[in-house]
Amino acid sequence: DCNEFVSADFCRNDDKKMLVTMTGTADCKVIVWNWDKQKCLGFTDVSGLSPGCIVRQVSFCPTEHSILLVTGKDVFKYYRIQENNSLKPFHQ
């Protein structure tokens, strides 16, 4: 159940028809979709945000399509799409 999407990005790899979306700050979730099949592949909560942090954007890494980046005011988080389509935070 989501009130708003604040960001979306298409994967730039022709082999993968993926879309990533991010919901609003109150319940911030990153969701990866298979665009062709209209199917949710995986999602995760964006956790560990300090008070005053505002998430603004989610995007695919242009060179490594299994990596997502969430950014905003005082926010810079990486996530990796695992083989089972789960999303795991990681540090680069």
N, C-alpha and C. Protein backbone atom coordinates (compact mmCIF):
# COMPACT_ATOMS: atom_id res chain seq x y z
N ASP A 1 0.85 -1.18 0.00
CA ASP A 1 0.00 0.00 0.00
C ASP A 1 0.89 1.23 0.00
N CYS A 2 0.77 2.05 -1.01
CA CYS A 2 1.67 3.20 -1.19
C CYS A 2 0.87 4.44 -1.53
N ASN A 3 1.21 5.55 -0.90
CA ASN A 3 0.52 6.81 -1.19
C ASN A 3 1.15 7.57 -2.35
N GLU A 4 2.47 7.41 -2.54
CA GLU A 4 3.12 8.16 -3.61
C GLU A 4 4.43 7.49 -4.01
N PHE A 5 4.80 7.68 -5.28
CA PHE A 5 6.12 7.32 -5.76
C PHE A 5 6.87 8.62 -5.98
N VAL A 6 8.10 8.70 -5.48
CA VAL A 6 8.87 9.93 -5.60
C VAL A 6 9.95 9.85 -6.67
N SER A 7 10.26 8.63 -7.14
CA SER A 7 11.31 8.49 -8.13
C SER A 7 11.14 7.18 -8.89
N ALA A 8 11.59 7.16 -10.15
CA ALA A 8 11.57 5.96 -10.98
C ALA A 8 12.72 6.03 -11.97
N ASP A 9 13.23 4.85 -12.38
CA ASP A 9 14.31 4.80 -13.36
C ASP A 9 14.22 3.48 -14.11
N PHE A 10 14.44 3.53 -15.42
CA PHE A 10 14.48 2.32 -16.23
C PHE A 10 15.91 1.83 -16.34
N CYS A 11 16.09 0.53 -16.33
CA CYS A 11 17.40 -0.07 -16.56
C CYS A 11 17.80 0.19 -18.00
N ARG A 12 19.04 0.57 -18.22
CA ARG A 12 19.51 0.91 -19.57
C ARG A 12 20.13 -0.27 -20.30
N ASN A 13 19.88 -1.46 -19.81
CA ASN A 13 20.39 -2.68 -20.43
C ASN A 13 19.25 -3.32 -21.22
N ASP A 14 19.44 -3.54 -22.51
CA ASP A 14 18.39 -4.10 -23.35
C ASP A 14 18.00 -5.51 -22.95
N ASP A 15 18.91 -6.25 -22.31
CA ASP A 15 18.62 -7.62 -21.90
C ASP A 15 17.68 -7.68 -20.71
N LYS A 16 17.70 -6.67 -19.89
CA LYS A 16 16.91 -6.63 -18.67
C LYS A 16 15.85 -5.55 -18.80
N LYS A 17 14.63 -5.92 -18.77
CA LYS A 17 13.52 -4.96 -18.87
C LYS A 17 13.05 -4.62 -17.46
N MET A 18 13.87 -3.85 -16.73
CA MET A 18 13.57 -3.56 -15.34
C MET A 18 13.28 -2.08 -15.13
N LEU A 19 12.47 -1.84 -14.12
CA LEU A 19 12.13 -0.51 -13.65
C LEU A 19 12.32 -0.52 -12.15
N VAL A 20 12.90 0.54 -11.59
CA VAL A 20 13.00 0.68 -10.15
C VAL A 20 12.19 1.90 -9.74
N THR A 21 11.41 1.76 -8.66
CA THR A 21 10.63 2.87 -8.14
C THR A 21 10.95 3.04 -6.66
N MET A 22 10.65 4.23 -6.14
CA MET A 22 10.86 4.48 -4.72
C MET A 22 9.64 5.23 -4.19
N THR A 23 9.14 4.77 -3.05
CA THR A 23 7.98 5.41 -2.43
C THR A 23 8.41 6.57 -1.55
N GLY A 24 7.44 7.31 -1.03
CA GLY A 24 7.70 8.51 -0.25
C GLY A 24 8.48 8.27 1.03
N THR A 25 8.91 9.35 1.64
CA THR A 25 9.82 9.31 2.77
C THR A 25 9.25 8.61 3.99
N ALA A 26 7.97 8.77 4.29
CA ALA A 26 7.41 8.20 5.51
C ALA A 26 7.56 6.67 5.56
N ASP A 27 7.39 6.00 4.44
CA ASP A 27 7.49 4.54 4.39
C ASP A 27 8.41 4.13 3.25
N CYS A 28 9.51 4.78 3.12
CA CYS A 28 10.36 4.67 1.94
C CYS A 28 10.73 3.23 1.62
N LYS A 29 10.33 2.79 0.42
CA LYS A 29 10.66 1.46 -0.09
C LYS A 29 11.23 1.60 -1.49
N VAL A 30 12.19 0.75 -1.82
CA VAL A 30 12.71 0.63 -3.17
C VAL A 30 12.12 -0.65 -3.74
N ILE A 31 11.51 -0.55 -4.93
CA ILE A 31 10.83 -1.69 -5.55
C ILE A 31 11.37 -1.87 -6.96
N VAL A 32 11.77 -3.11 -7.30
CA VAL A 32 12.25 -3.43 -8.64
C VAL A 32 11.17 -4.23 -9.36
N TRP A 33 10.89 -3.82 -10.60
CA TRP A 33 9.83 -4.42 -11.40
C TRP A 33 10.39 -5.00 -12.69
N ASN A 34 9.77 -6.08 -13.18
CA ASN A 34 9.98 -6.52 -14.56
C ASN A 34 8.92 -5.79 -15.37
N TRP A 35 9.37 -4.86 -16.19
CA TRP A 35 8.46 -3.98 -16.91
C TRP A 35 7.60 -4.76 -17.90
N ASP A 36 8.17 -5.68 -18.64
CA ASP A 36 7.42 -6.44 -19.65
C ASP A 36 6.33 -7.31 -19.03
N LYS A 37 6.64 -7.93 -17.90
CA LYS A 37 5.70 -8.86 -17.27
C LYS A 37 4.82 -8.20 -16.22
N GLN A 38 5.03 -6.90 -15.96
CA GLN A 38 4.27 -6.16 -14.95
C GLN A 38 4.27 -6.90 -13.62
N LYS A 39 5.50 -7.28 -13.21
CA LYS A 39 5.66 -8.10 -12.00
C LYS A 39 6.70 -7.47 -11.08
N CYS A 40 6.39 -7.44 -9.79
CA CYS A 40 7.35 -7.00 -8.80
C CYS A 40 8.39 -8.09 -8.60
N LEU A 41 9.67 -7.74 -8.77
CA LEU A 41 10.75 -8.71 -8.59
C LEU A 41 11.27 -8.72 -7.16
N GLY A 42 11.27 -7.58 -6.50
CA GLY A 42 11.78 -7.51 -5.14
C GLY A 42 11.67 -6.09 -4.61
N PHE A 43 11.74 -5.98 -3.28
CA PHE A 43 11.67 -4.66 -2.66
C PHE A 43 12.38 -4.70 -1.32
N THR A 44 12.69 -3.52 -0.81
CA THR A 44 13.29 -3.39 0.51
C THR A 44 12.91 -2.03 1.10
N ASP A 45 12.88 -1.97 2.41
CA ASP A 45 12.71 -0.69 3.09
C ASP A 45 14.03 0.05 3.08
N VAL A 46 14.00 1.35 2.90
CA VAL A 46 15.20 2.17 3.05
C VAL A 46 15.25 2.54 4.53
N SER A 47 16.10 1.85 5.26
CA SER A 47 16.13 2.02 6.71
C SER A 47 17.39 2.76 7.14
N GLY A 48 17.42 3.12 8.41
CA GLY A 48 18.59 3.77 8.96
C GLY A 48 18.72 5.23 8.60
N LEU A 49 17.60 5.86 8.25
CA LEU A 49 17.64 7.28 7.91
C LEU A 49 17.58 8.12 9.18
N SER A 50 18.44 9.09 9.28
CA SER A 50 18.45 10.00 10.42
C SER A 50 17.31 11.00 10.29
N PRO A 51 16.84 11.57 11.40
CA PRO A 51 15.82 12.62 11.31
C PRO A 51 16.31 13.76 10.41
N GLY A 52 15.44 14.24 9.57
CA GLY A 52 15.81 15.32 8.65
C GLY A 52 16.28 14.85 7.30
N CYS A 53 16.57 13.54 7.16
CA CYS A 53 16.98 13.01 5.86
C CYS A 53 15.76 12.95 4.94
N ILE A 54 15.98 13.29 3.70
CA ILE A 54 14.90 13.25 2.71
C ILE A 54 15.41 12.48 1.50
N VAL A 55 14.72 11.38 1.15
CA VAL A 55 15.09 10.63 -0.05
C VAL A 55 14.47 11.31 -1.26
N ARG A 56 15.24 11.40 -2.33
CA ARG A 56 14.76 12.12 -3.51
C ARG A 56 14.81 11.29 -4.79
N GLN A 57 15.77 10.35 -4.89
CA GLN A 57 15.97 9.68 -6.17
C GLN A 57 16.49 8.26 -5.98
N VAL A 58 16.06 7.38 -6.87
CA VAL A 58 16.63 6.04 -6.99
C VAL A 58 17.01 5.86 -8.45
N SER A 59 18.15 5.20 -8.68
CA SER A 59 18.59 4.99 -10.07
C SER A 59 19.43 3.73 -10.17
N PHE A 60 19.45 3.17 -11.38
CA PHE A 60 20.34 2.06 -11.69
C PHE A 60 21.73 2.61 -11.96
N CYS A 61 22.75 1.88 -11.56
CA CYS A 61 24.11 2.21 -11.93
C CYS A 61 24.23 2.03 -13.45
N PRO A 62 24.79 2.98 -14.17
CA PRO A 62 24.85 2.86 -15.64
C PRO A 62 25.78 1.76 -16.14
N THR A 63 26.73 1.32 -15.31
CA THR A 63 27.69 0.29 -15.77
C THR A 63 27.46 -1.07 -15.13
N GLU A 64 26.74 -1.13 -14.03
CA GLU A 64 26.46 -2.40 -13.33
C GLU A 64 24.99 -2.41 -12.97
N HIS A 65 24.18 -3.10 -13.76
CA HIS A 65 22.72 -3.00 -13.66
C HIS A 65 22.13 -3.72 -12.45
N SER A 66 22.94 -4.40 -11.68
CA SER A 66 22.44 -5.02 -10.45
C SER A 66 22.62 -4.10 -9.25
N ILE A 67 23.14 -2.90 -9.48
CA ILE A 67 23.38 -1.95 -8.38
C ILE A 67 22.42 -0.77 -8.51
N LEU A 68 21.78 -0.43 -7.37
CA LEU A 68 20.88 0.72 -7.29
C LEU A 68 21.47 1.73 -6.34
N LEU A 69 21.18 2.99 -6.57
CA LEU A 69 21.65 4.06 -5.71
C LEU A 69 20.46 4.90 -5.28
N VAL A 70 20.33 5.10 -3.96
CA VAL A 70 19.30 5.96 -3.38
C VAL A 70 20.00 7.20 -2.85
N THR A 71 19.54 8.37 -3.27
CA THR A 71 20.17 9.62 -2.84
C THR A 71 19.11 10.62 -2.39
N GLY A 72 19.57 11.63 -1.68
CA GLY A 72 18.71 12.70 -1.23
C GLY A 72 19.47 13.58 -0.25
N LYS A 73 18.73 14.35 0.54
CA LYS A 73 19.35 15.22 1.54
C LYS A 73 19.92 14.33 2.66
N ASP A 74 21.24 14.30 2.77
CA ASP A 74 21.95 13.48 3.76
C ASP A 74 21.74 11.98 3.56
N VAL A 75 21.44 11.55 2.32
CA VAL A 75 21.20 10.14 2.02
C VAL A 75 22.06 9.74 0.83
N PHE A 76 22.79 8.62 0.96
CA PHE A 76 23.58 8.05 -0.13
C PHE A 76 23.73 6.56 0.19
N LYS A 77 22.86 5.73 -0.40
CA LYS A 77 22.85 4.30 -0.09
C LYS A 77 22.89 3.48 -1.37
N TYR A 78 23.70 2.41 -1.33
CA TYR A 78 23.77 1.45 -2.43
C TYR A 78 22.99 0.20 -2.06
N TYR A 79 22.36 -0.40 -3.07
CA TYR A 79 21.70 -1.69 -2.92
C TYR A 79 22.09 -2.56 -4.10
N ARG A 80 22.20 -3.86 -3.86
CA ARG A 80 22.51 -4.81 -4.93
C ARG A 80 21.32 -5.75 -5.11
N ILE A 81 20.94 -5.97 -6.37
CA ILE A 81 19.90 -6.94 -6.69
C ILE A 81 20.56 -8.31 -6.70
N GLN A 82 20.14 -9.19 -5.80
CA GLN A 82 20.73 -10.52 -5.67
C GLN A 82 20.15 -11.47 -6.74
N GLU A 83 20.72 -12.65 -6.87
CA GLU A 83 20.25 -13.66 -7.83
C GLU A 83 18.78 -14.01 -7.61
N ASN A 84 18.34 -14.03 -6.35
CA ASN A 84 16.95 -14.37 -6.03
C ASN A 84 16.05 -13.13 -6.05
N ASN A 85 16.55 -12.03 -6.59
CA ASN A 85 15.86 -10.75 -6.74
C ASN A 85 15.63 -10.00 -5.43
N SER A 86 16.21 -10.46 -4.34
CA SER A 86 16.15 -9.68 -3.11
C SER A 86 17.12 -8.50 -3.23
N LEU A 87 16.85 -7.46 -2.47
CA LEU A 87 17.71 -6.27 -2.49
C LEU A 87 18.47 -6.20 -1.18
N LYS A 88 19.79 -6.10 -1.27
CA LYS A 88 20.65 -6.04 -0.09
C LYS A 88 21.46 -4.77 -0.09
N PRO A 89 21.50 -4.06 1.05
CA PRO A 89 22.37 -2.88 1.12
C PRO A 89 23.84 -3.31 1.06
N PHE A 90 24.67 -2.47 0.47
CA PHE A 90 26.09 -2.75 0.50
C PHE A 90 26.86 -1.43 0.40
N HIS A 91 28.09 -1.49 0.77
CA HIS A 91 28.96 -0.29 0.75
C HIS A 91 29.99 -0.47 -0.32
N GLN A 92 30.20 0.55 -1.10
CA GLN A 92 31.17 0.48 -2.19
C GLN A 92 32.46 1.13 -1.79
